[in-house]
């Protein structure tokens, strides 16, 4: 067998292992990033709906206050 292969063969296997590890780790990080983006979008939608609900309640309270401040005189 070639002496160069005896010396550099294990190095090539180790480097190949590192490259495969980096590739699969990056895929997992991308999957995690996608999952977190979906969660943040869901949270943003929830906050928007809650703010809208609170604005509607404040509008109703404001209407009630207007009716109390300006009663209809008969």
PDB file of N, CA and C in Angstrom:
ATOM      1  N   UNK A   1       0.844  -1.177   0.000  1.00  0.00           N
ATOM      2  CA  UNK A   1       0.000   0.000   0.000  1.00  0.00           C
ATOM      3  C   UNK A   1       0.890   1.242   0.000  1.00  0.00           C
ATOM      4  N   UNK A   2       0.373   2.305  -0.534  1.00  0.00           N
ATOM      5  CA  UNK A   2       1.108   3.547  -0.668  1.00  0.00           C
ATOM      6  C   UNK A   2       1.370   4.153   0.717  1.00  0.00           C
ATOM      7  N   UNK A   3       2.623   4.552   1.042  1.00  0.00           N
ATOM      8  CA  UNK A   3       2.901   5.119   2.364  1.00  0.00           C
ATOM      9  C   UNK A   3       2.194   6.451   2.604  1.00  0.00           C
ATOM     10  N   UNK A   4       1.926   7.197   1.537  1.00  0.00           N
ATOM     11  CA  UNK A   4       1.204   8.464   1.706  1.00  0.00           C
ATOM     12  C   UNK A   4      -0.216   8.190   2.186  1.00  0.00           C
ATOM     13  N   UNK A   5      -0.825   7.139   1.663  1.00  0.00           N
ATOM     14  CA  UNK A   5      -2.186   6.781   2.098  1.00  0.00           C
ATOM     15  C   UNK A   5      -2.185   6.334   3.550  1.00  0.00           C
ATOM     16  N   UNK A   6      -1.110   5.662   3.957  1.00  0.00           N
ATOM     17  CA  UNK A   6      -1.023   5.233   5.355  1.00  0.00           C
ATOM     18  C   UNK A   6      -0.969   6.435   6.285  1.00  0.00           C
ATOM     19  N   UNK A   7      -0.324   7.503   5.877  1.00  0.00           N
ATOM     20  CA  UNK A   7      -0.203   8.688   6.724  1.00  0.00           C
ATOM     21  C   UNK A   7      -1.449   9.561   6.659  1.00  0.00           C
ATOM     22  N   UNK A   8      -1.951   9.804   5.459  1.00  0.00           N
ATOM     23  CA  UNK A   8      -3.029  10.777   5.283  1.00  0.00           C
ATOM     24  C   UNK A   8      -4.423  10.144   5.237  1.00  0.00           C
ATOM     25  N   UNK A   9      -4.517   8.853   5.203  1.00  0.00           N
ATOM     26  CA  UNK A   9      -5.824   8.185   5.188  1.00  0.00           C
ATOM     27  C   UNK A   9      -6.653   8.500   6.419  1.00  0.00           C
ATOM     28  N   UNK A  10      -6.101   8.312   7.618  1.00  0.00           N
ATOM     29  CA  UNK A  10      -6.877   8.648   8.818  1.00  0.00           C
ATOM     30  C   UNK A  10      -7.247  10.130   8.888  1.00  0.00           C
ATOM     31  N   UNK A  11      -6.360  10.988   8.419  1.00  0.00           N
ATOM     32  CA  UNK A  11      -6.656  12.424   8.419  1.00  0.00           C
ATOM     33  C   UNK A  11      -7.850  12.709   7.507  1.00  0.00           C
ATOM     34  N   UNK A  12      -7.880  12.066   6.346  1.00  0.00           N
ATOM     35  CA  UNK A  12      -8.992  12.265   5.408  1.00  0.00           C
ATOM     36  C   UNK A  12     -10.304  11.786   6.017  1.00  0.00           C
ATOM     37  N   UNK A  13     -10.263  10.668   6.735  1.00  0.00           N
ATOM     38  CA  UNK A  13     -11.484  10.150   7.379  1.00  0.00           C
ATOM     39  C   UNK A  13     -11.959  11.128   8.457  1.00  0.00           C
ATOM     40  N   UNK A  14     -11.049  11.644   9.252  1.00  0.00           N
ATOM     41  CA  UNK A  14     -11.424  12.578  10.325  1.00  0.00           C
ATOM     42  C   UNK A  14     -11.982  13.875   9.733  1.00  0.00           C
ATOM     43  N   UNK A  15     -11.329  14.404   8.703  1.00  0.00           N
ATOM     44  CA  UNK A  15     -11.819  15.632   8.063  1.00  0.00           C
ATOM     45  C   UNK A  15     -13.191  15.392   7.443  1.00  0.00           C
ATOM     46  N   UNK A  16     -13.387  14.251   6.821  1.00  0.00           N
ATOM     47  CA  UNK A  16     -14.702  13.916   6.251  1.00  0.00           C
ATOM     48  C   UNK A  16     -15.769  13.855   7.337  1.00  0.00           C
ATOM     49  N   UNK A  17     -15.408  13.294   8.489  1.00  0.00           N
ATOM     50  CA  UNK A  17     -16.350  13.238   9.613  1.00  0.00           C
ATOM     51  C   UNK A  17     -16.718  14.619  10.121  1.00  0.00           C
ATOM     52  N   UNK A  18     -15.717  15.490  10.232  1.00  0.00           N
ATOM     53  CA  UNK A  18     -15.994  16.866  10.647  1.00  0.00           C
ATOM     54  C   UNK A  18     -16.912  17.574   9.657  1.00  0.00           C
ATOM     55  N   UNK A  19     -16.649  17.390   8.370  1.00  0.00           N
ATOM     56  CA  UNK A  19     -17.481  18.051   7.356  1.00  0.00           C
ATOM     57  C   UNK A  19     -18.915  17.546   7.409  1.00  0.00           C
ATOM     58  N   UNK A  20     -19.094  16.232   7.565  1.00  0.00           N
ATOM     59  CA  UNK A  20     -20.459  15.698   7.702  1.00  0.00           C
ATOM     60  C   UNK A  20     -21.139  16.227   8.964  1.00  0.00           C
ATOM     61  N   UNK A  21     -20.382  16.304  10.066  1.00  0.00           N
ATOM     62  CA  UNK A  21     -20.944  16.828  11.309  1.00  0.00           C
ATOM     63  C   UNK A  21     -21.381  18.271  11.170  1.00  0.00           C
ATOM     64  N   UNK A  22     -20.553  19.075  10.532  1.00  0.00           N
ATOM     65  CA  UNK A  22     -20.903  20.485  10.322  1.00  0.00           C
ATOM     66  C   UNK A  22     -22.139  20.604   9.454  1.00  0.00           C
ATOM     67  N   UNK A  23     -22.219  19.796   8.396  1.00  0.00           N
ATOM     68  CA  UNK A  23     -23.369  19.846   7.498  1.00  0.00           C
ATOM     69  C   UNK A  23     -24.657  19.508   8.235  1.00  0.00           C
ATOM     70  N   UNK A  24     -24.668  18.413   8.993  1.00  0.00           N
ATOM     71  CA  UNK A  24     -25.893  18.010   9.683  1.00  0.00           C
ATOM     72  C   UNK A  24     -26.222  18.948  10.839  1.00  0.00           C
ATOM     73  N   UNK A  25     -25.212  19.500  11.495  1.00  0.00           N
ATOM     74  CA  UNK A  25     -25.469  20.456  12.569  1.00  0.00           C
ATOM     75  C   UNK A  25     -26.111  21.729  12.005  1.00  0.00           C
ATOM     76  N   UNK A  26     -25.650  22.193  10.858  1.00  0.00           N
ATOM     77  CA  UNK A  26     -26.238  23.372  10.229  1.00  0.00           C
ATOM     78  C   UNK A  26     -27.688  23.122   9.848  1.00  0.00           C
ATOM     79  N   UNK A  27     -28.004  21.909   9.398  1.00  0.00           N
ATOM     80  CA  UNK A  27     -29.395  21.591   9.072  1.00  0.00           C
ATOM     81  C   UNK A  27     -30.260  21.656  10.316  1.00  0.00           C
ATOM     82  N   UNK A  28     -29.752  21.164  11.435  1.00  0.00           N
ATOM     83  CA  UNK A  28     -30.520  21.202  12.678  1.00  0.00           C
ATOM     84  C   UNK A  28     -30.722  22.643  13.140  1.00  0.00           C
ATOM     85  N   UNK A  29     -29.695  23.479  12.968  1.00  0.00           N
ATOM     86  CA  UNK A  29     -29.824  24.881  13.356  1.00  0.00           C
ATOM     87  C   UNK A  29     -30.858  25.570  12.472  1.00  0.00           C
ATOM     88  N   UNK A  30     -30.874  25.249  11.175  1.00  0.00           N
ATOM     89  CA  UNK A  30     -31.875  25.831  10.279  1.00  0.00           C
ATOM     90  C   UNK A  30     -33.275  25.395  10.681  1.00  0.00           C
ATOM     91  N   UNK A  31     -33.441  24.120  11.047  1.00  0.00           N
ATOM     92  CA  UNK A  31     -34.748  23.643  11.502  1.00  0.00           C
ATOM     93  C   UNK A  31     -35.178  24.376  12.769  1.00  0.00           C
ATOM     94  N   UNK A  32     -34.242  24.579  13.691  1.00  0.00           N
ATOM     95  CA  UNK A  32     -34.555  25.297  14.926  1.00  0.00           C
ATOM     96  C   UNK A  32     -34.949  26.738  14.620  1.00  0.00           C
ATOM     97  N   UNK A  33     -34.236  27.374  13.705  1.00  0.00           N
ATOM     98  CA  UNK A  33     -34.547  28.757  13.336  1.00  0.00           C
ATOM     99  C   UNK A  33     -35.950  28.844  12.731  1.00  0.00           C
ATOM    100  N   UNK A  34     -36.308  27.902  11.865  1.00  0.00           N
ATOM    101  CA  UNK A  34     -37.648  27.906  11.280  1.00  0.00           C
ATOM    102  C   UNK A  34     -38.721  27.724  12.350  1.00  0.00           C
ATOM    103  N   UNK A  35     -38.458  26.820  13.279  1.00  0.00           N
ATOM    104  CA  UNK A  35     -39.419  26.584  14.361  1.00  0.00           C
ATOM    105  C   UNK A  35     -39.590  27.837  15.215  1.00  0.00           C
ATOM    106  N   UNK A  36     -38.489  28.503  15.535  1.00  0.00           N
ATOM    107  CA  UNK A  36     -38.578  29.715  16.343  1.00  0.00           C
ATOM    108  C   UNK A  36     -39.293  30.826  15.587  1.00  0.00           C
ATOM    109  N   UNK A  37     -39.067  30.942  14.292  1.00  0.00           N
ATOM    110  CA  UNK A  37     -39.764  31.961  13.505  1.00  0.00           C
ATOM    111  C   UNK A  37     -41.272  31.723  13.529  1.00  0.00           C
ATOM    112  N   UNK A  38     -41.684  30.461  13.411  1.00  0.00           N
ATOM    113  CA  UNK A  38     -43.112  30.152  13.471  1.00  0.00           C
ATOM    114  C   UNK A  38     -43.687  30.520  14.837  1.00  0.00           C
ATOM    115  N   UNK A  39     -42.950  30.218  15.888  1.00  0.00           N
ATOM    116  CA  UNK A  39     -43.433  30.547  17.232  1.00  0.00           C
ATOM    117  C   UNK A  39     -43.566  32.053  17.418  1.00  0.00           C
ATOM    118  N   UNK A  40     -42.586  32.807  16.927  1.00  0.00           N
ATOM    119  CA  UNK A  40     -42.662  34.256  17.054  1.00  0.00           C
ATOM    120  C   UNK A  40     -43.826  34.824  16.243  1.00  0.00           C
ATOM    121  N   UNK A  41     -44.101  34.250  15.068  1.00  0.00           N
ATOM    122  CA  UNK A  41     -45.243  34.711  14.275  1.00  0.00           C
ATOM    123  C   UNK A  41     -46.546  34.417  15.007  1.00  0.00           C
ATOM    124  N   UNK A  42     -46.641  33.237  15.630  1.00  0.00           N
ATOM    125  CA  UNK A  42     -47.839  32.910  16.406  1.00  0.00           C
ATOM    126  C   UNK A  42     -48.006  33.873  17.584  1.00  0.00           C
ATOM    127  N   UNK A  43     -46.908  34.171  18.260  1.00  0.00           N
ATOM    128  CA  UNK A  43     -46.965  35.109  19.381  1.00  0.00           C
ATOM    129  C   UNK A  43     -47.365  36.497  18.909  1.00  0.00           C
ATOM    130  N   UNK A  44     -46.844  36.930  17.769  1.00  0.00           N
ATOM    131  CA  UNK A  44     -47.190  38.238  17.215  1.00  0.00           C
ATOM    132  C   UNK A  44     -48.687  38.289  16.883  1.00  0.00           C
ATOM    133  N   UNK A  45     -49.214  37.217  16.284  1.00  0.00           N
ATOM    134  CA  UNK A  45     -50.640  37.175  15.971  1.00  0.00           C
ATOM    135  C   UNK A  45     -51.483  37.220  17.240  1.00  0.00           C
ATOM    136  N   UNK A  46     -51.046  36.493  18.271  1.00  0.00           N
ATOM    137  CA  UNK A  46     -51.775  36.498  19.533  1.00  0.00           C
ATOM    138  C   UNK A  46     -51.787  37.891  20.144  1.00  0.00           C
ATOM    139  N   UNK A  47     -50.641  38.549  20.148  1.00  0.00           N
ATOM    140  CA  UNK A  47     -50.577  39.900  20.720  1.00  0.00           C
ATOM    141  C   UNK A  47     -51.439  40.877  19.934  1.00  0.00           C
ATOM    142  N   UNK A  48     -51.448  40.771  18.609  1.00  0.00           N
ATOM    143  CA  UNK A  48     -52.288  41.654  17.803  1.00  0.00           C
ATOM    144  C   UNK A  48     -53.764  41.447  18.130  1.00  0.00           C
ATOM    145  N   UNK A  49     -54.173  40.194  18.268  1.00  0.00           N
ATOM    146  CA  UNK A  49     -55.580  39.936  18.571  1.00  0.00           C
ATOM    147  C   UNK A  49     -55.946  40.444  19.962  1.00  0.00           C
ATOM    148  N   UNK A  50     -55.046  40.305  20.929  1.00  0.00           N
ATOM    149  CA  UNK A  50     -55.323  40.796  22.271  1.00  0.00           C
ATOM    150  C   UNK A  50     -55.395  42.319  22.301  1.00  0.00           C
ATOM    151  N   UNK A  51     -54.519  42.979  21.577  1.00  0.00           N
ATOM    152  CA  UNK A  51     -54.547  44.443  21.522  1.00  0.00           C
ATOM    153  C   UNK A  51     -55.844  44.912  20.874  1.00  0.00           C
ATOM    154  N   UNK A  52     -56.267  44.223  19.821  1.00  0.00           N
ATOM    155  CA  UNK A  52     -57.522  44.576  19.157  1.00  0.00           C
ATOM    156  C   UNK A  52     -58.706  44.405  20.112  1.00  0.00           C
ATOM    157  N   UNK A  53     -58.693  43.312  20.862  1.00  0.00           N
ATOM    158  CA  UNK A  53     -59.773  43.057  21.820  1.00  0.00           C
ATOM    159  C   UNK A  53     -59.796  44.141  22.893  1.00  0.00           C
ATOM    160  N   UNK A  54     -58.632  44.534  23.397  1.00  0.00           N
ATOM    161  CA  UNK A  54     -58.580  45.585  24.413  1.00  0.00           C
ATOM    162  C   UNK A  54     -59.030  46.934  23.855  1.00  0.00           C
ATOM    163  N   UNK A  55     -58.666  47.235  22.612  1.00  0.00           N
ATOM    164  CA  UNK A  55     -59.115  48.489  22.000  1.00  0.00           C
ATOM    165  C   UNK A  55     -60.627  48.515  21.885  1.00  0.00           C
ATOM    166  N   UNK A  56     -61.241  47.391  21.537  1.00  0.00           N
ATOM    167  CA  UNK A  56     -62.706  47.328  21.452  1.00  0.00           C
ATOM    168  C   UNK A  56     -63.332  47.555  22.824  1.00  0.00           C
ATOM    169  N   UNK A  57     -62.743  46.976  23.858  1.00  0.00           N
ATOM    170  CA  UNK A  57     -63.278  47.183  25.204  1.00  0.00           C
ATOM    171  C   UNK A  57     -63.134  48.633  25.639  1.00  0.00           C
ATOM    172  N   UNK A  58     -61.994  49.249  25.312  1.00  0.00           N
ATOM    173  CA  UNK A  58     -61.804  50.659  25.658  1.00  0.00           C
ATOM    174  C   UNK A  58     -62.808  51.539  24.913  1.00  0.00           C
ATOM    175  N   UNK A  59     -63.109  51.187  23.676  1.00  0.00           N
ATOM    176  CA  UNK A  59     -64.112  51.940  22.924  1.00  0.00           C
ATOM    177  C   UNK A  59     -65.472  51.843  23.599  1.00  0.00           C
ATOM    178  N   UNK A  60     -65.838  50.647  24.061  1.00  0.00           N
ATOM    179  CA  UNK A  60     -67.122  50.486  24.743  1.00  0.00           C
ATOM    180  C   UNK A  60     -67.161  51.271  26.057  1.00  0.00           C
ATOM    181  N   UNK A  61     -66.051  51.241  26.785  1.00  0.00           N
ATOM    182  CA  UNK A  61     -65.992  52.003  28.040  1.00  0.00           C
ATOM    183  C   UNK A  61     -66.087  53.500  27.742  1.00  0.00           C
ATOM    184  N   UNK A  62     -65.447  53.928  26.694  1.00  0.00           N
ATOM    185  CA  UNK A  62     -65.505  55.335  26.307  1.00  0.00           C
ATOM    186  C   UNK A  62     -66.935  55.739  25.945  1.00  0.00           C
ATOM    187  N   UNK A  63     -67.642  54.893  25.234  1.00  0.00           N
ATOM    188  CA  UNK A  63     -69.054  55.182  24.901  1.00  0.00           C
ATOM    189  C   UNK A  63     -69.894  55.268  26.163  1.00  0.00           C
ATOM    190  N   UNK A  64     -69.658  54.384  27.110  1.00  0.00           N
ATOM    191  CA  UNK A  64     -70.414  54.423  28.362  1.00  0.00           C
ATOM    192  C   UNK A  64     -70.137  55.711  29.134  1.00  0.00           C
ATOM    193  N   UNK A  65     -68.872  56.094  29.154  1.00  0.00           N
ATOM    194  CA  UNK A  65     -68.533  57.339  29.845  1.00  0.00           C
ATOM    195  C   UNK A  65     -69.186  58.544  29.167  1.00  0.00           C
ATOM    196  N   UNK A  66     -69.224  58.553  27.853  1.00  0.00           N
ATOM    197  CA  UNK A  66     -69.886  59.635  27.132  1.00  0.00           C
ATOM    198  C   UNK A  66     -71.368  59.698  27.492  1.00  0.00           C
ATOM    199  N   UNK A  67     -72.005  58.546  27.599  1.00  0.00           N
ATOM    200  CA  UNK A  67     -73.426  58.533  27.957  1.00  0.00           C
ATOM    201  C   UNK A  67     -73.642  59.009  29.388  1.00  0.00           C
ATOM    202  N   UNK A  68     -72.701  58.688  30.267  1.00  0.00           N
ATOM    203  CA  UNK A  68     -72.837  59.148  31.652  1.00  0.00           C
ATOM    204  C   UNK A  68     -72.574  60.647  31.775  1.00  0.00           C
ATOM    205  N   UNK A  69     -71.634  61.126  31.002  1.00  0.00           N
ATOM    206  CA  UNK A  69     -71.303  62.550  31.076  1.00  0.00           C
ATOM    207  C   UNK A  69     -72.381  63.412  30.409  1.00  0.00           C
ATOM    208  N   UNK A  70     -72.991  62.922  29.390  1.00  0.00           N
ATOM    209  CA  UNK A  70     -74.007  63.671  28.641  1.00  0.00           C
ATOM    210  C   UNK A  70     -75.314  62.895  28.647  1.00  0.00           C
ATOM    211  N   UNK A  71     -76.010  62.902  29.762  1.00  0.00           N
ATOM    212  CA  UNK A  71     -77.271  62.140  29.822  1.00  0.00           C
ATOM    213  C   UNK A  71     -78.341  62.789  28.948  1.00  0.00           C
ATOM    214  N   UNK A  72     -79.226  61.984  28.509  1.00  0.00           N
ATOM    215  CA  UNK A  72     -80.357  62.477  27.704  1.00  0.00           C
ATOM    216  C   UNK A  72     -81.399  63.047  28.678  1.00  0.00           C
ATOM    217  N   UNK A  73     -81.721  64.307  28.481  1.00  0.00           N
ATOM    218  CA  UNK A  73     -82.709  64.969  29.344  1.00  0.00           C
ATOM    219  C   UNK A  73     -84.057  64.877  28.656  1.00  0.00           C
ATOM    220  N   UNK A  74     -85.053  64.386  29.386  1.00  0.00           N
ATOM    221  CA  UNK A  74     -86.394  64.256  28.819  1.00  0.00           C
ATOM    222  C   UNK A  74     -87.311  65.289  29.376  1.00  0.00           C
TER     223      UNK A  74
END
